[in-house]
Every structure is written in structure tokens, then in C-alpha cells.
Amino acid sequence: MEMTSPPTYETHDAVAAVTERVRALGGLLPMDGRLSWIADGVTGYAPLHCYLIETDSGPMVLDSGAPIHEPLLLGQLDRYLPAGEDIVLVLSRIVEFDSFGNAGTIMERYPVSHVYSQFPVEEWVYYRHVHDENENTAEPRWTPLSGGLELVASGSNAVALEAIDAPVRLLATWWFYEPSSRVLFTSDSFGHAVQPRPDSPGCLTESDDDTTYEAVRDHLVAKFDWVAVADTAPLQDQLKQIFESRQIDAIAPSYGRPLVGATVVERHYEMMQHALAELGGTR
């Protein structure tokens, strides 16, 4: 029988400074019809991010990226992680590979002292043949995620992140708010801002924000098709509470370019609310 090689992807770095304390890491994937969460007809590159968050008490890594980007991510962490400091690892969707795909490798390579996730981390992250559980000695503290939980960096009692129940999701998902830089991390929501070319700016700012309402709506349906037949009024109310009770200067999704600047945030929030109202037909 003739064996066929698995499909490959051309990969590129997707590193971008969202704020002085928050850096997007990861890689780009070409939008060539193979990514299920991309609307038909969209071209360019899809950033797939995790985030390095610098706190006064040490670094936090939010999500770990897809396995295809492991070499890119490890090189980025080697470059940007402070040497010798304990790391707190946060997994927004531990049951999905773009969230926990490289978590096992990160725990083997770096001093991870604490993990926040839905399920006990050792039950999920060692899933590849290169991860031999018998040889793994990492035993970080684990804290289950829940809405309203205040996450702290290693050796600190100061709140670094606030966990928020994600209003739009497929599986159990948490968003996070970082009050120091006023960044809202939205996991797999707000991922509609694609990158036209590998050398395009990594963040979307007011100067180059040409995103259309149709792009926001079409991406929402491609990723969360159930919103087209759901009562979206509760989602709109929850989204309103999240945005109107916090000062948000940047939205940092795991898919798509980070949206940077209060004006950009407000515009994309309003387009998301419009899309939910139109698709759900509730208001």
C-alpha cells in the first residue's frame, strides 16, 4: 500500500508586544481552506497565540499553542522568559489542543510551579509519545478554574488575572482580565482579525483597522455556528457586563490579531454585539 505523507503547513513567527507587560507568542497558519474556524473566502494568515504576561512577582504563560508551533514557541520562551524564575501556566481550554498542545513540553523544560486549568493538568498534558509519564517529575500546584477566581503569580498574593466565564464558547472556556495593562484575554472569541501577510503588524491598531462588520459576523458563525439559532440575549447581557464594568485597552484572543487601543476595542465590541443580536434575532 502506498503511504501518503501528512499535510504540512508553512509556519511563521507570530510575536507581538500587546503592552509592555503582555507579549503574544506563537505562529501563523495560512488560510488555505484547512482551518475550520475561518469563514469561506478569507485569505491571509491566521495567528495562533499564547501569551507571556510579566507581573511584578514573576511570569505567567496563558495557553501553550498548537504542537505544530512547538519549535517556534520554545525558541520564543527561551528568548523572552526571565531566567530562573518560576512560571505560572494558565490553560483557558484544557480540552482543546491549541490551549494545552505544548503544555507538557513547557512543564518538562521550564520551572512551572503552578497551573490553573479546568482539570488536573497531569491527566491531560502528557499525551504524545515523547511525553513519558514515568520520567516526568514536574508536580506543580494545581488550581481549578472558575468564574471570578483571582489568579496570582508565583510566590505572590497580588491578583495578576481575573477569571471570567466566557459568554461565547463551544466547550468549557475562561476569559481573563489583566488589570495592570487592562487587557482582556478572550481565548477563542474575537479571533476575526487576520494577518494579510507574514510581515504585517502583529497587532491591529486604529491606524490599520479596516475590519468590516461582515467579517466579524461571518467569523462568529464559522467558529460558533450555534449562535445562528440560539437566544443570544443572555450572551449580549453577559458581554455587556464584562466590557462595561472594566476598562479594556486591548483584546487578546488565542486566534487572530490582538486588538489594541481603547477605540479599537470599543468598535469591535460593538460589532460583536451587533452580530449576536442579528444572528440570534433576539433584539
Foldseek 3Di string as FASTA:
>chain_A
DDDDDDDDFDKDWLWADQDPFKIWTWIWTFPPPPDQLAFPPDGAIKGFTWMWGQDPQAIEIFFDAAPSGVVRRVVVCVVPHDPPDEYEYEFFALVDCRRQVCVLVCQQPGRHAEYEEQDPPVVGNQDDPVRDVVPDDRDHHYDYDDAQDFDDTPPDPDGQWGWHAQLADDDGGTWIAGQVQQEIEREAAPQLAHARYSPGHQADEPVHPPDDLVSNLSSSCSNRVCLLADQCVVSLVSLCCVPVVGQHQWYHYSIHGIYGGSVSVVVSSVSNSVSSCVSHVND
